[in-house]
mmCIF file of all heavy atoms, coordinates in Angstrom:
data_MODEL
# 
_entry.id   MODEL 
# 
loop_
_atom_site.group_PDB 
_atom_site.id 
_atom_site.type_symbol 
_atom_site.label_atom_id 
_atom_site.label_alt_id 
_atom_site.label_comp_id 
_atom_site.label_asym_id 
_atom_site.label_entity_id 
_atom_site.label_seq_id 
_atom_site.pdbx_PDB_ins_code 
_atom_site.Cartn_x 
_atom_site.Cartn_y 
_atom_site.Cartn_z 
_atom_site.occupancy 
_atom_site.B_iso_or_equiv 
_atom_site.pdbx_formal_charge 
_atom_site.auth_seq_id 
_atom_site.auth_comp_id 
_atom_site.auth_asym_id 
_atom_site.auth_atom_id 
_atom_site.pdbx_PDB_model_num 
ATOM 1   N N   . ASN A 1 1  ? 0.816  -1.223  0.000   1.00 0.00 ? 1  ASN A N   1 
ATOM 2   C CA  . ASN A 1 1  ? 0.000  0.000   0.000   1.00 0.00 ? 1  ASN A CA  1 
ATOM 3   C C   . ASN A 1 1  ? 0.846  1.268   0.000   1.00 0.00 ? 1  ASN A C   1 
ATOM 4   O O   . ASN A 1 1  ? 0.311  2.369   -0.070  1.00 0.00 ? 1  ASN A O   1 
ATOM 5   C CB  . ASN A 1 1  ? -0.951 0.021   1.202   1.00 0.00 ? 1  ASN A CB  1 
ATOM 6   C CG  . ASN A 1 1  ? -2.170 -0.853  0.976   1.00 0.00 ? 1  ASN A CG  1 
ATOM 7   O OD1 . ASN A 1 1  ? -2.564 -1.106  -0.168  1.00 0.00 ? 1  ASN A OD1 1 
ATOM 8   N ND2 . ASN A 1 1  ? -2.779 -1.321  2.044   1.00 0.00 ? 1  ASN A ND2 1 
ATOM 9   N N   . THR A 1 2  ? 2.168  1.114   0.093   1.00 0.00 ? 2  THR A N   1 
ATOM 10  C CA  . THR A 1 2  ? 3.055  2.265   -0.024  1.00 0.00 ? 2  THR A CA  1 
ATOM 11  C C   . THR A 1 2  ? 3.561  2.368   -1.458  1.00 0.00 ? 2  THR A C   1 
ATOM 12  O O   . THR A 1 2  ? 3.749  1.343   -2.134  1.00 0.00 ? 2  THR A O   1 
ATOM 13  C CB  . THR A 1 2  ? 4.269  2.143   0.933   1.00 0.00 ? 2  THR A CB  1 
ATOM 14  O OG1 . THR A 1 2  ? 5.062  1.011   0.548   1.00 0.00 ? 2  THR A OG1 1 
ATOM 15  C CG2 . THR A 1 2  ? 3.810  1.990   2.372   1.00 0.00 ? 2  THR A CG2 1 
ATOM 16  N N   . VAL A 1 3  ? 3.778  3.581   -1.921  1.00 0.00 ? 3  VAL A N   1 
ATOM 17  C CA  . VAL A 1 3  ? 4.344  3.778   -3.257  1.00 0.00 ? 3  VAL A CA  1 
ATOM 18  C C   . VAL A 1 3  ? 5.717  3.119   -3.336  1.00 0.00 ? 3  VAL A C   1 
ATOM 19  O O   . VAL A 1 3  ? 6.064  2.486   -4.339  1.00 0.00 ? 3  VAL A O   1 
ATOM 20  C CB  . VAL A 1 3  ? 4.447  5.281   -3.592  1.00 0.00 ? 3  VAL A CB  1 
ATOM 21  C CG1 . VAL A 1 3  ? 5.201  5.498   -4.898  1.00 0.00 ? 3  VAL A CG1 1 
ATOM 22  C CG2 . VAL A 1 3  ? 3.060  5.899   -3.682  1.00 0.00 ? 3  VAL A CG2 1 
ATOM 23  N N   . ARG A 1 4  ? 6.475  3.254   -2.257  1.00 0.00 ? 4  ARG A N   1 
ATOM 24  C CA  . ARG A 1 4  ? 7.818  2.672   -2.231  1.00 0.00 ? 4  ARG A CA  1 
ATOM 25  C C   . ARG A 1 4  ? 7.765  1.156   -2.402  1.00 0.00 ? 4  ARG A C   1 
ATOM 26  O O   . ARG A 1 4  ? 8.530  0.570   -3.181  1.00 0.00 ? 4  ARG A O   1 
ATOM 27  C CB  . ARG A 1 4  ? 8.498  3.036   -0.912  1.00 0.00 ? 4  ARG A CB  1 
ATOM 28  C CG  . ARG A 1 4  ? 9.924  2.497   -0.787  1.00 0.00 ? 4  ARG A CG  1 
ATOM 29  C CD  . ARG A 1 4  ? 10.455 2.779   0.612   1.00 0.00 ? 4  ARG A CD  1 
ATOM 30  N NE  . ARG A 1 4  ? 11.795 2.231   0.806   1.00 0.00 ? 4  ARG A NE  1 
ATOM 31  C CZ  . ARG A 1 4  ? 12.368 2.124   1.987   1.00 0.00 ? 4  ARG A CZ  1 
ATOM 32  N NH1 . ARG A 1 4  ? 11.728 2.537   3.077   1.00 0.00 ? 4  ARG A NH1 1 
ATOM 33  N NH2 . ARG A 1 4  ? 13.585 1.608   2.100   1.00 0.00 ? 4  ARG A NH2 1 
ATOM 34  N N   . GLY A 1 5  ? 6.867  0.495   -1.656  1.00 0.00 ? 5  GLY A N   1 
ATOM 35  C CA  . GLY A 1 5  ? 6.770  -0.949  -1.741  1.00 0.00 ? 5  GLY A CA  1 
ATOM 36  C C   . GLY A 1 5  ? 6.368  -1.417  -3.129  1.00 0.00 ? 5  GLY A C   1 
ATOM 37  O O   . GLY A 1 5  ? 6.963  -2.339  -3.696  1.00 0.00 ? 5  GLY A O   1 
ATOM 38  N N   . THR A 1 6  ? 5.347  -0.765  -3.700  1.00 0.00 ? 6  THR A N   1 
ATOM 39  C CA  . THR A 1 6  ? 4.904  -1.114  -5.058  1.00 0.00 ? 6  THR A CA  1 
ATOM 40  C C   . THR A 1 6  ? 6.021  -0.902  -6.064  1.00 0.00 ? 6  THR A C   1 
ATOM 41  O O   . THR A 1 6  ? 6.274  -1.739  -6.933  1.00 0.00 ? 6  THR A O   1 
ATOM 42  C CB  . THR A 1 6  ? 3.682  -0.261  -5.444  1.00 0.00 ? 6  THR A CB  1 
ATOM 43  O OG1 . THR A 1 6  ? 2.608  -0.539  -4.540  1.00 0.00 ? 6  THR A OG1 1 
ATOM 44  C CG2 . THR A 1 6  ? 3.226  -0.575  -6.862  1.00 0.00 ? 6  THR A CG2 1 
ATOM 45  N N   . ASP A 1 7  ? 6.725  0.219   -5.938  1.00 0.00 ? 7  ASP A N   1 
ATOM 46  C CA  . ASP A 1 7  ? 7.798  0.536   -6.875  1.00 0.00 ? 7  ASP A CA  1 
ATOM 47  C C   . ASP A 1 7  ? 8.912  -0.515  -6.827  1.00 0.00 ? 7  ASP A C   1 
ATOM 48  O O   . ASP A 1 7  ? 9.443  -0.914  -7.864  1.00 0.00 ? 7  ASP A O   1 
ATOM 49  C CB  . ASP A 1 7  ? 8.370  1.916   -6.564  1.00 0.00 ? 7  ASP A CB  1 
ATOM 50  C CG  . ASP A 1 7  ? 9.573  2.258   -7.441  1.00 0.00 ? 7  ASP A CG  1 
ATOM 51  O OD1 . ASP A 1 7  ? 9.385  2.419   -8.659  1.00 0.00 ? 7  ASP A OD1 1 
ATOM 52  O OD2 . ASP A 1 7  ? 10.695 2.342   -6.915  1.00 0.00 ? 7  ASP A OD2 1 
ATOM 53  N N   . LYS A 1 8  ? 9.246  -0.978  -5.634  1.00 0.00 ? 8  LYS A N   1 
ATOM 54  C CA  . LYS A 1 8  ? 10.356 -1.930  -5.524  1.00 0.00 ? 8  LYS A CA  1 
ATOM 55  C C   . LYS A 1 8  ? 9.991  -3.299  -6.074  1.00 0.00 ? 8  LYS A C   1 
ATOM 56  O O   . LYS A 1 8  ? 10.851 -4.006  -6.621  1.00 0.00 ? 8  LYS A O   1 
ATOM 57  C CB  . LYS A 1 8  ? 10.835 -2.042  -4.074  1.00 0.00 ? 8  LYS A CB  1 
ATOM 58  C CG  . LYS A 1 8  ? 11.310 -0.730  -3.473  1.00 0.00 ? 8  LYS A CG  1 
ATOM 59  C CD  . LYS A 1 8  ? 12.095 0.126   -4.463  1.00 0.00 ? 8  LYS A CD  1 
ATOM 60  C CE  . LYS A 1 8  ? 12.357 1.523   -3.948  1.00 0.00 ? 8  LYS A CE  1 
ATOM 61  N NZ  . LYS A 1 8  ? 12.854 2.434   -5.017  1.00 0.00 ? 8  LYS A NZ  1 
ATOM 62  N N   . VAL A 1 9  ? 8.730  -3.694  -5.943  1.00 0.00 ? 9  VAL A N   1 
ATOM 63  C CA  . VAL A 1 9  ? 8.287  -4.946  -6.558  1.00 0.00 ? 9  VAL A CA  1 
ATOM 64  C C   . VAL A 1 9  ? 8.360  -4.828  -8.080  1.00 0.00 ? 9  VAL A C   1 
ATOM 65  O O   . VAL A 1 9  ? 8.836  -5.740  -8.771  1.00 0.00 ? 9  VAL A O   1 
ATOM 66  C CB  . VAL A 1 9  ? 6.852  -5.296  -6.115  1.00 0.00 ? 9  VAL A CB  1 
ATOM 67  C CG1 . VAL A 1 9  ? 6.310  -6.479  -6.924  1.00 0.00 ? 9  VAL A CG1 1 
ATOM 68  C CG2 . VAL A 1 9  ? 6.823  -5.628  -4.625  1.00 0.00 ? 9  VAL A CG2 1 
ATOM 69  N N   . LEU A 1 10 ? 7.915  -3.686  -8.606  1.00 0.00 ? 10 LEU A N   1 
ATOM 70  C CA  . LEU A 1 10 ? 7.996  -3.466  -10.048 1.00 0.00 ? 10 LEU A CA  1 
ATOM 71  C C   . LEU A 1 10 ? 9.450  -3.372  -10.510 1.00 0.00 ? 10 LEU A C   1 
ATOM 72  O O   . LEU A 1 10 ? 9.794  -3.816  -11.611 1.00 0.00 ? 10 LEU A O   1 
ATOM 73  C CB  . LEU A 1 10 ? 7.239  -2.187  -10.419 1.00 0.00 ? 10 LEU A CB  1 
ATOM 74  C CG  . LEU A 1 10 ? 5.721  -2.237  -10.192 1.00 0.00 ? 10 LEU A CG  1 
ATOM 75  C CD1 . LEU A 1 10 ? 5.098  -0.882  -10.489 1.00 0.00 ? 10 LEU A CD1 1 
ATOM 76  C CD2 . LEU A 1 10 ? 5.071  -3.316  -11.046 1.00 0.00 ? 10 LEU A CD2 1 
ATOM 77  N N   . MET A 1 11 ? 10.297 -2.803  -9.669  1.00 0.00 ? 11 MET A N   1 
ATOM 78  C CA  . MET A 1 11 ? 11.725 -2.735  -9.986  1.00 0.00 ? 11 MET A CA  1 
ATOM 79  C C   . MET A 1 11 ? 12.308 -4.141  -10.123 1.00 0.00 ? 11 MET A C   1 
ATOM 80  O O   . MET A 1 11 ? 13.104 -4.419  -11.029 1.00 0.00 ? 11 MET A O   1 
ATOM 81  C CB  . MET A 1 11 ? 12.450 -1.959  -8.877  1.00 0.00 ? 11 MET A CB  1 
ATOM 82  C CG  . MET A 1 11 ? 13.955 -1.858  -9.051  1.00 0.00 ? 11 MET A CG  1 
ATOM 83  S SD  . MET A 1 11 ? 14.705 -1.047  -7.607  1.00 0.00 ? 11 MET A SD  1 
ATOM 84  C CE  . MET A 1 11 ? 16.447 -1.181  -8.009  1.00 0.00 ? 11 MET A CE  1 
ATOM 85  N N   . PHE A 1 12 ? 11.900 -5.019  -9.226  1.00 0.00 ? 12 PHE A N   1 
ATOM 86  C CA  . PHE A 1 12 ? 12.347 -6.412  -9.287  1.00 0.00 ? 12 PHE A CA  1 
ATOM 87  C C   . PHE A 1 12 ? 11.954 -7.038  -10.629 1.00 0.00 ? 12 PHE A C   1 
ATOM 88  O O   . PHE A 1 12 ? 12.774 -7.687  -11.295 1.00 0.00 ? 12 PHE A O   1 
ATOM 89  C CB  . PHE A 1 12 ? 11.716 -7.188  -8.127  1.00 0.00 ? 12 PHE A CB  1 
ATOM 90  C CG  . PHE A 1 12 ? 12.045 -8.657  -8.112  1.00 0.00 ? 12 PHE A CG  1 
ATOM 91  C CD1 . PHE A 1 12 ? 13.153 -9.126  -7.437  1.00 0.00 ? 12 PHE A CD1 1 
ATOM 92  C CD2 . PHE A 1 12 ? 11.229 -9.570  -8.775  1.00 0.00 ? 12 PHE A CD2 1 
ATOM 93  C CE1 . PHE A 1 12 ? 13.458 -10.478 -7.418  1.00 0.00 ? 12 PHE A CE1 1 
ATOM 94  C CE2 . PHE A 1 12 ? 11.528 -10.926 -8.775  1.00 0.00 ? 12 PHE A CE2 1 
ATOM 95  C CZ  . PHE A 1 12 ? 12.641 -11.380 -8.088  1.00 0.00 ? 12 PHE A CZ  1 
ATOM 96  N N   . ILE A 1 13 ? 10.703 -6.837  -11.030 1.00 0.00 ? 13 ILE A N   1 
ATOM 97  C CA  . ILE A 1 13 ? 10.219 -7.396  -12.301 1.00 0.00 ? 13 ILE A CA  1 
ATOM 98  C C   . ILE A 1 13 ? 10.990 -6.787  -13.475 1.00 0.00 ? 13 ILE A C   1 
ATOM 99  O O   . ILE A 1 13 ? 11.421 -7.501  -14.397 1.00 0.00 ? 13 ILE A O   1 
ATOM 100 C CB  . ILE A 1 13 ? 8.715  -7.131  -12.459 1.00 0.00 ? 13 ILE A CB  1 
ATOM 101 C CG1 . ILE A 1 13 ? 7.928  -7.878  -11.374 1.00 0.00 ? 13 ILE A CG1 1 
ATOM 102 C CG2 . ILE A 1 13 ? 8.224  -7.539  -13.855 1.00 0.00 ? 13 ILE A CG2 1 
ATOM 103 C CD1 . ILE A 1 13 ? 6.463  -7.503  -11.306 1.00 0.00 ? 13 ILE A CD1 1 
ATOM 104 N N   . GLN A 1 14 ? 11.174 -5.466  -13.448 1.00 0.00 ? 14 GLN A N   1 
ATOM 105 C CA  . GLN A 1 14 ? 11.826 -4.763  -14.550 1.00 0.00 ? 14 GLN A CA  1 
ATOM 106 C C   . GLN A 1 14 ? 13.242 -5.282  -14.798 1.00 0.00 ? 14 GLN A C   1 
ATOM 107 O O   . GLN A 1 14 ? 13.612 -5.577  -15.941 1.00 0.00 ? 14 GLN A O   1 
ATOM 108 C CB  . GLN A 1 14 ? 11.871 -3.263  -14.249 1.00 0.00 ? 14 GLN A CB  1 
ATOM 109 C CG  . GLN A 1 14 ? 12.612 -2.439  -15.303 1.00 0.00 ? 14 GLN A CG  1 
ATOM 110 C CD  . GLN A 1 14 ? 12.791 -0.990  -14.870 1.00 0.00 ? 14 GLN A CD  1 
ATOM 111 O OE1 . GLN A 1 14 ? 12.226 -0.553  -13.866 1.00 0.00 ? 14 GLN A OE1 1 
ATOM 112 N NE2 . GLN A 1 14 ? 13.579 -0.250  -15.620 1.00 0.00 ? 14 GLN A NE2 1 
ATOM 113 N N   . TYR A 1 15 ? 14.034 -5.401  -13.731 1.00 0.00 ? 15 TYR A N   1 
ATOM 114 C CA  . TYR A 1 15 ? 15.439 -5.764  -13.916 1.00 0.00 ? 15 TYR A CA  1 
ATOM 115 C C   . TYR A 1 15 ? 15.655 -7.265  -14.073 1.00 0.00 ? 15 TYR A C   1 
ATOM 116 O O   . TYR A 1 15 ? 16.481 -7.698  -14.877 1.00 0.00 ? 15 TYR A O   1 
ATOM 117 C CB  . TYR A 1 15 ? 16.281 -5.211  -12.773 1.00 0.00 ? 15 TYR A CB  1 
ATOM 118 C CG  . TYR A 1 15 ? 16.482 -3.715  -12.880 1.00 0.00 ? 15 TYR A CG  1 
ATOM 119 C CD1 . TYR A 1 15 ? 15.887 -2.840  -11.989 1.00 0.00 ? 15 TYR A CD1 1 
ATOM 120 C CD2 . TYR A 1 15 ? 17.254 -3.179  -13.912 1.00 0.00 ? 15 TYR A CD2 1 
ATOM 121 C CE1 . TYR A 1 15 ? 16.067 -1.467  -12.099 1.00 0.00 ? 15 TYR A CE1 1 
ATOM 122 C CE2 . TYR A 1 15 ? 17.435 -1.812  -14.025 1.00 0.00 ? 15 TYR A CE2 1 
ATOM 123 C CZ  . TYR A 1 15 ? 16.836 -0.969  -13.128 1.00 0.00 ? 15 TYR A CZ  1 
ATOM 124 O OH  . TYR A 1 15 ? 17.003 0.388   -13.247 1.00 0.00 ? 15 TYR A OH  1 
ATOM 125 N N   . TRP A 1 16 ? 14.923 -8.066  -13.323 1.00 0.00 ? 16 TRP A N   1 
ATOM 126 C CA  . TRP A 1 16 ? 15.110 -9.507  -13.456 1.00 0.00 ? 16 TRP A CA  1 
ATOM 127 C C   . TRP A 1 16 ? 14.572 -10.023 -14.779 1.00 0.00 ? 16 TRP A C   1 
ATOM 128 O O   . TRP A 1 16 ? 14.983 -11.089 -15.246 1.00 0.00 ? 16 TRP A O   1 
ATOM 129 C CB  . TRP A 1 16 ? 14.476 -10.231 -12.277 1.00 0.00 ? 16 TRP A CB  1 
ATOM 130 C CG  . TRP A 1 16 ? 15.343 -10.132 -11.059 1.00 0.00 ? 16 TRP A CG  1 
ATOM 131 C CD1 . TRP A 1 16 ? 15.278 -9.169  -10.086 1.00 0.00 ? 16 TRP A CD1 1 
ATOM 132 C CD2 . TRP A 1 16 ? 16.427 -10.986 -10.694 1.00 0.00 ? 16 TRP A CD2 1 
ATOM 133 N NE1 . TRP A 1 16 ? 16.257 -9.370  -9.141  1.00 0.00 ? 16 TRP A NE1 1 
ATOM 134 C CE2 . TRP A 1 16 ? 16.972 -10.478 -9.481  1.00 0.00 ? 16 TRP A CE2 1 
ATOM 135 C CE3 . TRP A 1 16 ? 16.996 -12.130 -11.255 1.00 0.00 ? 16 TRP A CE3 1 
ATOM 136 C CZ2 . TRP A 1 16 ? 18.059 -11.078 -8.848  1.00 0.00 ? 16 TRP A CZ2 1 
ATOM 137 C CZ3 . TRP A 1 16 ? 18.072 -12.725 -10.615 1.00 0.00 ? 16 TRP A CZ3 1 
ATOM 138 C CH2 . TRP A 1 16 ? 18.587 -12.205 -9.428  1.00 0.00 ? 16 TRP A CH2 1 
ATOM 139 N N   . SER A 1 17 ? 13.664 -9.267  -15.409 1.00 0.00 ? 17 SER A N   1 
ATOM 140 C CA  . SER A 1 17 ? 13.190 -9.666  -16.737 1.00 0.00 ? 17 SER A CA  1 
ATOM 141 C C   . SER A 1 17 ? 14.332 -9.616  -17.759 1.00 0.00 ? 17 SER A C   1 
ATOM 142 O O   . SER A 1 17 ? 14.351 -10.393 -18.719 1.00 0.00 ? 17 SER A O   1 
ATOM 143 C CB  . SER A 1 17 ? 12.035 -8.760  -17.193 1.00 0.00 ? 17 SER A CB  1 
ATOM 144 O OG  . SER A 1 17 ? 12.484 -7.435  -17.419 1.00 0.00 ? 17 SER A OG  1 
ATOM 145 N N   . LYS A 1 18 ? 15.295 -8.734  -17.551 1.00 0.00 ? 18 LYS A N   1 
ATOM 146 C CA  . LYS A 1 18 ? 16.448 -8.653  -18.458 1.00 0.00 ? 18 LYS A CA  1 
ATOM 147 C C   . LYS A 1 18 ? 17.308 -9.918  -18.360 1.00 0.00 ? 18 LYS A C   1 
ATOM 148 O O   . LYS A 1 18 ? 17.836 -10.407 -19.363 1.00 0.00 ? 18 LYS A O   1 
ATOM 149 C CB  . LYS A 1 18 ? 17.284 -7.409  -18.141 1.00 0.00 ? 18 LYS A CB  1 
ATOM 150 C CG  . LYS A 1 18 ? 16.569 -6.092  -18.431 1.00 0.00 ? 18 LYS A CG  1 
ATOM 151 C CD  . LYS A 1 18 ? 17.452 -4.909  -18.119 1.00 0.00 ? 18 LYS A CD  1 
ATOM 152 C CE  . LYS A 1 18 ? 16.731 -3.598  -18.409 1.00 0.00 ? 18 LYS A CE  1 
ATOM 153 N NZ  . LYS A 1 18 ? 16.453 -3.426  -19.854 1.00 0.00 ? 18 LYS A NZ  1 
ATOM 154 N N   . ILE A 1 19 ? 17.437 -10.431 -17.149 1.00 0.00 ? 19 ILE A N   1 
ATOM 155 C CA  . ILE A 1 19 ? 18.178 -11.680 -16.970 1.00 0.00 ? 19 ILE A CA  1 
ATOM 156 C C   . ILE A 1 19 ? 17.407 -12.837 -17.599 1.00 0.00 ? 19 ILE A C   1 
ATOM 157 O O   . ILE A 1 19 ? 17.995 -13.715 -18.248 1.00 0.00 ? 19 ILE A O   1 
ATOM 158 C CB  . ILE A 1 19 ? 18.432 -11.929 -15.473 1.00 0.00 ? 19 ILE A CB  1 
ATOM 159 C CG1 . ILE A 1 19 ? 19.267 -10.786 -14.884 1.00 0.00 ? 19 ILE A CG1 1 
ATOM 160 C CG2 . ILE A 1 19 ? 19.125 -13.280 -15.249 1.00 0.00 ? 19 ILE A CG2 1 
ATOM 161 C CD1 . ILE A 1 19 ? 19.449 -10.863 -13.377 1.00 0.00 ? 19 ILE A CD1 1 
ATOM 162 N N   . LEU A 1 20 ? 16.081 -12.829 -17.419 1.00 0.00 ? 20 LEU A N   1 
ATOM 163 C CA  . LEU A 1 20 ? 15.253 -13.875 -18.011 1.00 0.00 ? 20 LEU A CA  1 
ATOM 164 C C   . LEU A 1 20 ? 15.343 -13.850 -19.534 1.00 0.00 ? 20 LEU A C   1 
ATOM 165 O O   . LEU A 1 20 ? 15.440 -14.907 -20.179 1.00 0.00 ? 20 LEU A O   1 
ATOM 166 C CB  . LEU A 1 20 ? 13.800 -13.703 -17.554 1.00 0.00 ? 20 LEU A CB  1 
ATOM 167 C CG  . LEU A 1 20 ? 12.792 -14.737 -18.068 1.00 0.00 ? 20 LEU A CG  1 
ATOM 168 C CD1 . LEU A 1 20 ? 13.217 -16.148 -17.679 1.00 0.00 ? 20 LEU A CD1 1 
ATOM 169 C CD2 . LEU A 1 20 ? 11.398 -14.432 -17.522 1.00 0.00 ? 20 LEU A CD2 1 
ATOM 170 N N   . VAL A 1 21 ? 15.332 -12.646 -20.108 1.00 0.00 ? 21 VAL A N   1 
ATOM 171 C CA  . VAL A 1 21 ? 15.471 -12.520 -21.565 1.00 0.00 ? 21 VAL A CA  1 
ATOM 172 C C   . VAL A 1 21 ? 16.809 -13.101 -22.019 1.00 0.00 ? 21 VAL A C   1 
ATOM 173 O O   . VAL A 1 21 ? 16.882 -13.830 -23.014 1.00 0.00 ? 21 VAL A O   1 
ATOM 174 C CB  . VAL A 1 21 ? 15.351 -11.036 -21.985 1.00 0.00 ? 21 VAL A CB  1 
ATOM 175 C CG1 . VAL A 1 21 ? 15.865 -10.826 -23.414 1.00 0.00 ? 21 VAL A CG1 1 
ATOM 176 C CG2 . VAL A 1 21 ? 13.902 -10.578 -21.885 1.00 0.00 ? 21 VAL A CG2 1 
ATOM 177 N N   . PHE A 1 22 ? 17.854 -12.791 -21.291 1.00 0.00 ? 22 PHE A N   1 
ATOM 178 C CA  . PHE A 1 22 ? 19.186 -13.313 -21.625 1.00 0.00 ? 22 PHE A CA  1 
ATOM 179 C C   . PHE A 1 22 ? 19.199 -14.849 -21.610 1.00 0.00 ? 22 PHE A C   1 
ATOM 180 O O   . PHE A 1 22 ? 19.734 -15.494 -22.517 1.00 0.00 ? 22 PHE A O   1 
ATOM 181 C CB  . PHE A 1 22 ? 20.208 -12.760 -20.631 1.00 0.00 ? 22 PHE A CB  1 
ATOM 182 C CG  . PHE A 1 22 ? 21.593 -13.313 -20.795 1.00 0.00 ? 22 PHE A CG  1 
ATOM 183 C CD1 . PHE A 1 22 ? 22.431 -12.857 -21.815 1.00 0.00 ? 22 PHE A CD1 1 
ATOM 184 C CD2 . PHE A 1 22 ? 22.076 -14.300 -19.940 1.00 0.00 ? 22 PHE A CD2 1 
ATOM 185 C CE1 . PHE A 1 22 ? 23.720 -13.371 -21.971 1.00 0.00 ? 22 PHE A CE1 1 
ATOM 186 C CE2 . PHE A 1 22 ? 23.362 -14.818 -20.086 1.00 0.00 ? 22 PHE A CE2 1 
ATOM 187 C CZ  . PHE A 1 22 ? 24.179 -14.349 -21.105 1.00 0.00 ? 22 PHE A CZ  1 
ATOM 188 N N   . LEU A 1 23 ? 18.584 -15.441 -20.591 1.00 0.00 ? 23 LEU A N   1 
ATOM 189 C CA  . LEU A 1 23 ? 18.551 -16.900 -20.477 1.00 0.00 ? 23 LEU A CA  1 
ATOM 190 C C   . LEU A 1 23 ? 17.695 -17.529 -21.571 1.00 0.00 ? 23 LEU A C   1 
ATOM 191 O O   . LEU A 1 23 ? 18.056 -18.577 -22.127 1.00 0.00 ? 23 LEU A O   1 
ATOM 192 C CB  . LEU A 1 23 ? 18.027 -17.303 -19.092 1.00 0.00 ? 23 LEU A CB  1 
ATOM 193 C CG  . LEU A 1 23 ? 18.906 -16.914 -17.897 1.00 0.00 ? 23 LEU A CG  1 
ATOM 194 C CD1 . LEU A 1 23 ? 18.224 -17.260 -16.588 1.00 0.00 ? 23 LEU A CD1 1 
ATOM 195 C CD2 . LEU A 1 23 ? 20.271 -17.600 -17.986 1.00 0.00 ? 23 LEU A CD2 1 
ATOM 196 N N   . LEU A 1 24 ? 16.579 -16.898 -21.890 1.00 0.00 ? 24 LEU A N   1 
ATOM 197 C CA  . LEU A 1 24 ? 15.706 -17.424 -22.949 1.00 0.00 ? 24 LEU A CA  1 
ATOM 198 C C   . LEU A 1 24 ? 16.397 -17.371 -24.304 1.00 0.00 ? 24 LEU A C   1 
ATOM 199 O O   . LEU A 1 24 ? 16.241 -18.274 -25.134 1.00 0.00 ? 24 LEU A O   1 
ATOM 200 C CB  . LEU A 1 24 ? 14.397 -16.629 -23.000 1.00 0.00 ? 24 LEU A CB  1 
ATOM 201 C CG  . LEU A 1 24 ? 13.415 -16.858 -21.839 1.00 0.00 ? 24 LEU A CG  1 
ATOM 202 C CD1 . LEU A 1 24 ? 12.252 -15.878 -21.930 1.00 0.00 ? 24 LEU A CD1 1 
ATOM 203 C CD2 . LEU A 1 24 ? 12.893 -18.292 -21.831 1.00 0.00 ? 24 LEU A CD2 1 
ATOM 204 N N   . GLN A 1 25 ? 17.156 -16.322 -24.542 1.00 0.00 ? 25 GLN A N   1 
ATOM 205 C CA  . GLN A 1 25 ? 17.865 -16.198 -25.815 1.00 0.00 ? 25 GLN A CA  1 
ATOM 206 C C   . GLN A 1 25 ? 18.936 -17.271 -25.967 1.00 0.00 ? 25 GLN A C   1 
ATOM 207 O O   . GLN A 1 25 ? 19.197 -17.751 -27.062 1.00 0.00 ? 25 GLN A O   1 
ATOM 208 C CB  . GLN A 1 25 ? 18.495 -14.806 -25.923 1.00 0.00 ? 25 GLN A CB  1 
ATOM 209 C CG  . GLN A 1 25 ? 17.491 -13.694 -26.169 1.00 0.00 ? 25 GLN A CG  1 
ATOM 210 C CD  . GLN A 1 25 ? 18.115 -12.321 -26.099 1.00 0.00 ? 25 GLN A CD  1 
ATOM 211 O OE1 . GLN A 1 25 ? 19.136 -12.120 -25.449 1.00 0.00 ? 25 GLN A OE1 1 
ATOM 212 N NE2 . GLN A 1 25 ? 17.478 -11.357 -26.762 1.00 0.00 ? 25 GLN A NE2 1 
# 
């Protein structure tokens, strides 16, 4: 319910998706 908490979860998705893309490639 905090902007900070929501932002950090989205940050996790944003950056770890780059690693996932690398592995999928």
